[in-house]
Amino acid sequence: MENTSGLGFIDTQALFSIVTMSVIFTPLGAKVSHQIDGKKLKKFFALFLAVLGVLVLSF
């Protein structure tokens, strides 16, 4: 089956999905990040990146 939702090399369905989720969750993420302590946020982000690194190396 052929993917017909693309515009050249751009998949328009993926583009609209990413843009929609970004518009919805950007204000929420900004609000939450201002409510969380900076040190905790940095530790969580470091843990998140470490987990992603392990996943990338394992696949």
PDB file of N, CA and C in Angstrom:
ATOM      1  N   MET A   1       0.844  -1.176   0.000  1.00  0.00           N
ATOM      2  CA  MET A   1       0.000   0.000   0.000  1.00  0.00           C
ATOM      3  C   MET A   1       0.891   1.242   0.000  1.00  0.00           C
ATOM      4  N   GLU A   2       0.517   2.214  -0.770  1.00  0.00           N
ATOM      5  CA  GLU A   2       1.326   3.419  -0.940  1.00  0.00           C
ATOM      6  C   GLU A   2       0.869   4.510   0.027  1.00  0.00           C
ATOM      7  N   ASN A   3       1.845   5.224   0.594  1.00  0.00           N
ATOM      8  CA  ASN A   3       1.541   6.341   1.480  1.00  0.00           C
ATOM      9  C   ASN A   3       1.238   7.569   0.626  1.00  0.00           C
ATOM     10  N   THR A   4      -0.007   8.046   0.678  1.00  0.00           N
ATOM     11  CA  THR A   4      -0.395   9.190  -0.141  1.00  0.00           C
ATOM     12  C   THR A   4      -0.526  10.473   0.668  1.00  0.00           C
ATOM     13  N   SER A   5      -0.165  10.433   1.947  1.00  0.00           N
ATOM     14  CA  SER A   5      -0.311  11.631   2.775  1.00  0.00           C
ATOM     15  C   SER A   5       0.956  12.472   2.792  1.00  0.00           C
ATOM     16  N   GLY A   6       1.870  12.224   1.866  1.00  0.00           N
ATOM     17  CA  GLY A   6       3.135  12.956   1.855  1.00  0.00           C
ATOM     18  C   GLY A   6       3.137  14.089   0.848  1.00  0.00           C
ATOM     19  N   LEU A   7       3.925  15.091   1.129  1.00  0.00           N
ATOM     20  CA  LEU A   7       4.110  16.215   0.216  1.00  0.00           C
ATOM     21  C   LEU A   7       5.596  16.255  -0.087  1.00  0.00           C
ATOM     22  N   GLY A   8       6.001  15.570  -1.137  1.00  0.00           N
ATOM     23  CA  GLY A   8       7.428  15.418  -1.399  1.00  0.00           C
ATOM     24  C   GLY A   8       8.024  14.496  -0.353  1.00  0.00           C
ATOM     25  N   PHE A   9       9.018  14.998   0.390  1.00  0.00           N
ATOM     26  CA  PHE A   9       9.632  14.208   1.451  1.00  0.00           C
ATOM     27  C   PHE A   9       9.005  14.494   2.811  1.00  0.00           C
ATOM     28  N   ILE A  10       7.969  15.316   2.854  1.00  0.00           N
ATOM     29  CA  ILE A  10       7.321  15.688   4.113  1.00  0.00           C
ATOM     30  C   ILE A  10       6.037  14.892   4.266  1.00  0.00           C
ATOM     31  N   ASP A  11       5.921  14.153   5.343  1.00  0.00           N
ATOM     32  CA  ASP A  11       4.705  13.412   5.640  1.00  0.00           C
ATOM     33  C   ASP A  11       3.743  14.372   6.331  1.00  0.00           C
ATOM     34  N   THR A  12       2.718  14.805   5.599  1.00  0.00           N
ATOM     35  CA  THR A  12       1.818  15.836   6.126  1.00  0.00           C
ATOM     36  C   THR A  12       1.024  15.355   7.330  1.00  0.00           C
ATOM     37  N   GLN A  13       0.678  14.086   7.377  1.00  0.00           N
ATOM     38  CA  GLN A  13      -0.062  13.554   8.516  1.00  0.00           C
ATOM     39  C   GLN A  13       0.793  13.638   9.777  1.00  0.00           C
ATOM     40  N   ALA A  14       2.054  13.268   9.682  1.00  0.00           N
ATOM     41  CA  ALA A  14       2.958  13.370  10.827  1.00  0.00           C
ATOM     42  C   ALA A  14       3.188  14.832  11.194  1.00  0.00           C
ATOM     43  N   LEU A  15       3.338  15.696  10.193  1.00  0.00           N
ATOM     44  CA  LEU A  15       3.540  17.125  10.437  1.00  0.00           C
ATOM     45  C   LEU A  15       2.378  17.710  11.230  1.00  0.00           C
ATOM     46  N   PHE A  16       1.157  17.452  10.806  1.00  0.00           N
ATOM     47  CA  PHE A  16      -0.009  17.994  11.504  1.00  0.00           C
ATOM     48  C   PHE A  16      -0.147  17.413  12.904  1.00  0.00           C
ATOM     49  N   SER A  17       0.188  16.142  13.078  1.00  0.00           N
ATOM     50  CA  SER A  17       0.129  15.529  14.407  1.00  0.00           C
ATOM     51  C   SER A  17       1.132  16.175  15.352  1.00  0.00           C
ATOM     52  N   ILE A  18       2.354  16.372  14.885  1.00  0.00           N
ATOM     53  CA  ILE A  18       3.398  16.974  15.722  1.00  0.00           C
ATOM     54  C   ILE A  18       3.054  18.421  16.058  1.00  0.00           C
ATOM     55  N   VAL A  19       2.585  19.181  15.072  1.00  0.00           N
ATOM     56  CA  VAL A  19       2.229  20.585  15.311  1.00  0.00           C
ATOM     57  C   VAL A  19       1.074  20.682  16.300  1.00  0.00           C
ATOM     58  N   THR A  20       0.062  19.851  16.143  1.00  0.00           N
ATOM     59  CA  THR A  20      -1.088  19.883  17.045  1.00  0.00           C
ATOM     60  C   THR A  20      -0.681  19.567  18.476  1.00  0.00           C
ATOM     61  N   MET A  21       0.086  18.508  18.671  1.00  0.00           N
ATOM     62  CA  MET A  21       0.518  18.149  20.026  1.00  0.00           C
ATOM     63  C   MET A  21       1.433  19.218  20.620  1.00  0.00           C
ATOM     64  N   SER A  22       2.266  19.835  19.795  1.00  0.00           N
ATOM     65  CA  SER A  22       3.153  20.896  20.286  1.00  0.00           C
ATOM     66  C   SER A  22       2.354  22.101  20.760  1.00  0.00           C
ATOM     67  N   VAL A  23       1.355  22.488  19.995  1.00  0.00           N
ATOM     68  CA  VAL A  23       0.525  23.641  20.369  1.00  0.00           C
ATOM     69  C   VAL A  23      -0.245  23.354  21.652  1.00  0.00           C
ATOM     70  N   ILE A  24      -0.711  22.132  21.816  1.00  0.00           N
ATOM     71  CA  ILE A  24      -1.487  21.779  23.008  1.00  0.00           C
ATOM     72  C   ILE A  24      -0.601  21.688  24.243  1.00  0.00           C
ATOM     73  N   PHE A  25       0.551  21.020  24.140  1.00  0.00           N
ATOM     74  CA  PHE A  25       1.329  20.702  25.334  1.00  0.00           C
ATOM     75  C   PHE A  25       2.444  21.687  25.671  1.00  0.00           C
ATOM     76  N   THR A  26       2.782  22.621  24.799  1.00  0.00           N
ATOM     77  CA  THR A  26       3.825  23.600  25.117  1.00  0.00           C
ATOM     78  C   THR A  26       3.453  24.483  26.303  1.00  0.00           C
ATOM     79  N   PRO A  27       2.254  25.071  26.346  1.00  0.00           N
ATOM     80  CA  PRO A  27       1.902  25.880  27.523  1.00  0.00           C
ATOM     81  C   PRO A  27       1.850  25.054  28.805  1.00  0.00           C
ATOM     82  N   LEU A  28       1.388  23.821  28.702  1.00  0.00           N
ATOM     83  CA  LEU A  28       1.329  22.947  29.875  1.00  0.00           C
ATOM     84  C   LEU A  28       2.730  22.644  30.388  1.00  0.00           C
ATOM     85  N   GLY A  29       3.649  22.334  29.495  1.00  0.00           N
ATOM     86  CA  GLY A  29       5.026  22.056  29.893  1.00  0.00           C
ATOM     87  C   GLY A  29       5.705  23.261  30.506  1.00  0.00           C
ATOM     88  N   ALA A  30       5.447  24.439  29.961  1.00  0.00           N
ATOM     89  CA  ALA A  30       6.032  25.664  30.515  1.00  0.00           C
ATOM     90  C   ALA A  30       5.493  25.932  31.916  1.00  0.00           C
ATOM     91  N   LYS A  31       4.209  25.719  32.104  1.00  0.00           N
ATOM     92  CA  LYS A  31       3.586  25.941  33.417  1.00  0.00           C
ATOM     93  C   LYS A  31       4.142  24.971  34.458  1.00  0.00           C
ATOM     94  N   VAL A  32       4.251  23.705  34.089  1.00  0.00           N
ATOM     95  CA  VAL A  32       4.760  22.689  35.012  1.00  0.00           C
ATOM     96  C   VAL A  32       6.232  22.935  35.333  1.00  0.00           C
ATOM     97  N   SER A  33       7.011  23.336  34.335  1.00  0.00           N
ATOM     98  CA  SER A  33       8.443  23.543  34.576  1.00  0.00           C
ATOM     99  C   SER A  33       8.699  24.715  35.517  1.00  0.00           C
ATOM    100  N   HIS A  34       7.809  25.683  35.538  1.00  0.00           N
ATOM    101  CA  HIS A  34       7.966  26.806  36.463  1.00  0.00           C
ATOM    102  C   HIS A  34       7.546  26.437  37.881  1.00  0.00           C
ATOM    103  N   GLN A  35       6.744  25.398  38.022  1.00  0.00           N
ATOM    104  CA  GLN A  35       6.281  24.979  39.342  1.00  0.00           C
ATOM    105  C   GLN A  35       7.234  23.998  40.007  1.00  0.00           C
ATOM    106  N   ILE A  36       8.095  23.337  39.231  1.00  0.00           N
ATOM    107  CA  ILE A  36       9.017  22.331  39.761  1.00  0.00           C
ATOM    108  C   ILE A  36      10.349  22.996  40.084  1.00  0.00           C
ATOM    109  N   ASP A  37      10.977  22.544  41.164  1.00  0.00           N
ATOM    110  CA  ASP A  37      12.297  23.044  41.552  1.00  0.00           C
ATOM    111  C   ASP A  37      13.312  22.752  40.442  1.00  0.00           C
ATOM    112  N   GLY A  38      14.191  23.701  40.172  1.00  0.00           N
ATOM    113  CA  GLY A  38      15.164  23.578  39.088  1.00  0.00           C
ATOM    114  C   GLY A  38      16.091  22.393  39.233  1.00  0.00           C
ATOM    115  N   LYS A  39      16.527  22.102  40.464  1.00  0.00           N
ATOM    116  CA  LYS A  39      17.438  20.968  40.678  1.00  0.00           C
ATOM    117  C   LYS A  39      16.739  19.645  40.370  1.00  0.00           C
ATOM    118  N   LYS A  40      15.488  19.521  40.799  1.00  0.00           N
ATOM    119  CA  LYS A  40      14.741  18.290  40.514  1.00  0.00           C
ATOM    120  C   LYS A  40      14.508  18.135  39.013  1.00  0.00           C
ATOM    121  N   LEU A  41      14.219  19.250  38.359  1.00  0.00           N
ATOM    122  CA  LEU A  41      13.985  19.208  36.923  1.00  0.00           C
ATOM    123  C   LEU A  41      15.249  18.785  36.175  1.00  0.00           C
ATOM    124  N   LYS A  42      16.401  19.293  36.588  1.00  0.00           N
ATOM    125  CA  LYS A  42      17.675  18.913  35.960  1.00  0.00           C
ATOM    126  C   LYS A  42      17.983  17.437  36.188  1.00  0.00           C
ATOM    127  N   LYS A  43      17.725  16.933  37.407  1.00  0.00           N
ATOM    128  CA  LYS A  43      17.970  15.514  37.694  1.00  0.00           C
ATOM    129  C   LYS A  43      17.047  14.623  36.875  1.00  0.00           C
ATOM    130  N   PHE A  44      15.785  15.014  36.766  1.00  0.00           N
ATOM    131  CA  PHE A  44      14.840  14.232  35.975  1.00  0.00           C
ATOM    132  C   PHE A  44      15.258  14.213  34.506  1.00  0.00           C
ATOM    133  N   PHE A  45      15.675  15.368  33.983  1.00  0.00           N
ATOM    134  CA  PHE A  45      16.086  15.446  32.584  1.00  0.00           C
ATOM    135  C   PHE A  45      17.344  14.618  32.334  1.00  0.00           C
ATOM    136  N   ALA A  46      18.278  14.638  33.283  1.00  0.00           N
ATOM    137  CA  ALA A  46      19.491  13.824  33.157  1.00  0.00           C
ATOM    138  C   ALA A  46      19.137  12.338  33.145  1.00  0.00           C
ATOM    139  N   LEU A  47      18.229  11.925  34.011  1.00  0.00           N
ATOM    140  CA  LEU A  47      17.776  10.533  34.042  1.00  0.00           C
ATOM    141  C   LEU A  47      17.091  10.165  32.729  1.00  0.00           C
ATOM    142  N   PHE A  48      16.252  11.055  32.241  1.00  0.00           N
ATOM    143  CA  PHE A  48      15.554  10.839  30.971  1.00  0.00           C
ATOM    144  C   PHE A  48      16.550  10.645  29.825  1.00  0.00           C
ATOM    145  N   LEU A  49      17.567  11.508  29.760  1.00  0.00           N
ATOM    146  CA  LEU A  49      18.579  11.381  28.708  1.00  0.00           C
ATOM    147  C   LEU A  49      19.397  10.104  28.858  1.00  0.00           C
ATOM    148  N   ALA A  50      19.689   9.699  30.088  1.00  0.00           N
ATOM    149  CA  ALA A  50      20.436   8.464  30.315  1.00  0.00           C
ATOM    150  C   ALA A  50      19.631   7.256  29.833  1.00  0.00           C
ATOM    151  N   VAL A  51      18.342   7.240  30.134  1.00  0.00           N
ATOM    152  CA  VAL A  51      17.482   6.138  29.686  1.00  0.00           C
ATOM    153  C   VAL A  51      17.415   6.112  28.161  1.00  0.00           C
ATOM    154  N   LEU A  52      17.261   7.276  27.544  1.00  0.00           N
ATOM    155  CA  LEU A  52      17.246   7.322  26.081  1.00  0.00           C
ATOM    156  C   LEU A  52      18.570   6.843  25.494  1.00  0.00           C
ATOM    157  N   GLY A  53      19.681   7.219  26.129  1.00  0.00           N
ATOM    158  CA  GLY A  53      20.990   6.768  25.661  1.00  0.00           C
ATOM    159  C   GLY A  53      21.124   5.259  25.707  1.00  0.00           C
ATOM    160  N   VAL A  54      20.657   4.659  26.788  1.00  0.00           N
ATOM    161  CA  VAL A  54      20.700   3.197  26.915  1.00  0.00           C
ATOM    162  C   VAL A  54      19.825   2.549  25.846  1.00  0.00           C
ATOM    163  N   LEU A  55      18.650   3.113  25.616  1.00  0.00           N
ATOM    164  CA  LEU A  55      17.767   2.557  24.587  1.00  0.00           C
ATOM    165  C   LEU A  55      18.389   2.658  23.197  1.00  0.00           C
ATOM    166  N   VAL A  56      19.024   3.774  22.897  1.00  0.00           N
ATOM    167  CA  VAL A  56      19.664   3.944  21.590  1.00  0.00           C
ATOM    168  C   VAL A  56      20.809   2.948  21.424  1.00  0.00           C
ATOM    169  N   LEU A  57      21.598   2.760  22.464  1.00  0.00           N
ATOM    170  CA  LEU A  57      22.723   1.831  22.376  1.00  0.00           C
ATOM    171  C   LEU A  57      22.273   0.372  22.308  1.00  0.00           C
ATOM    172  N   SER A  58      21.106   0.061  22.858  1.00  0.00           N
ATOM    173  CA  SER A  58      20.663  -1.330  22.881  1.00  0.00           C
ATOM    174  C   SER A  58      19.954  -1.746  21.594  1.00  0.00           C
ATOM    175  N   PHE A  59      19.559  -0.801  20.770  1.00  0.00           N
ATOM    176  CA  PHE A  59      18.857  -1.161  19.530  1.00  0.00           C
ATOM    177  C   PHE A  59      19.678  -0.859  18.360  1.00  0.00           C
TER     178      PHE A  59
END
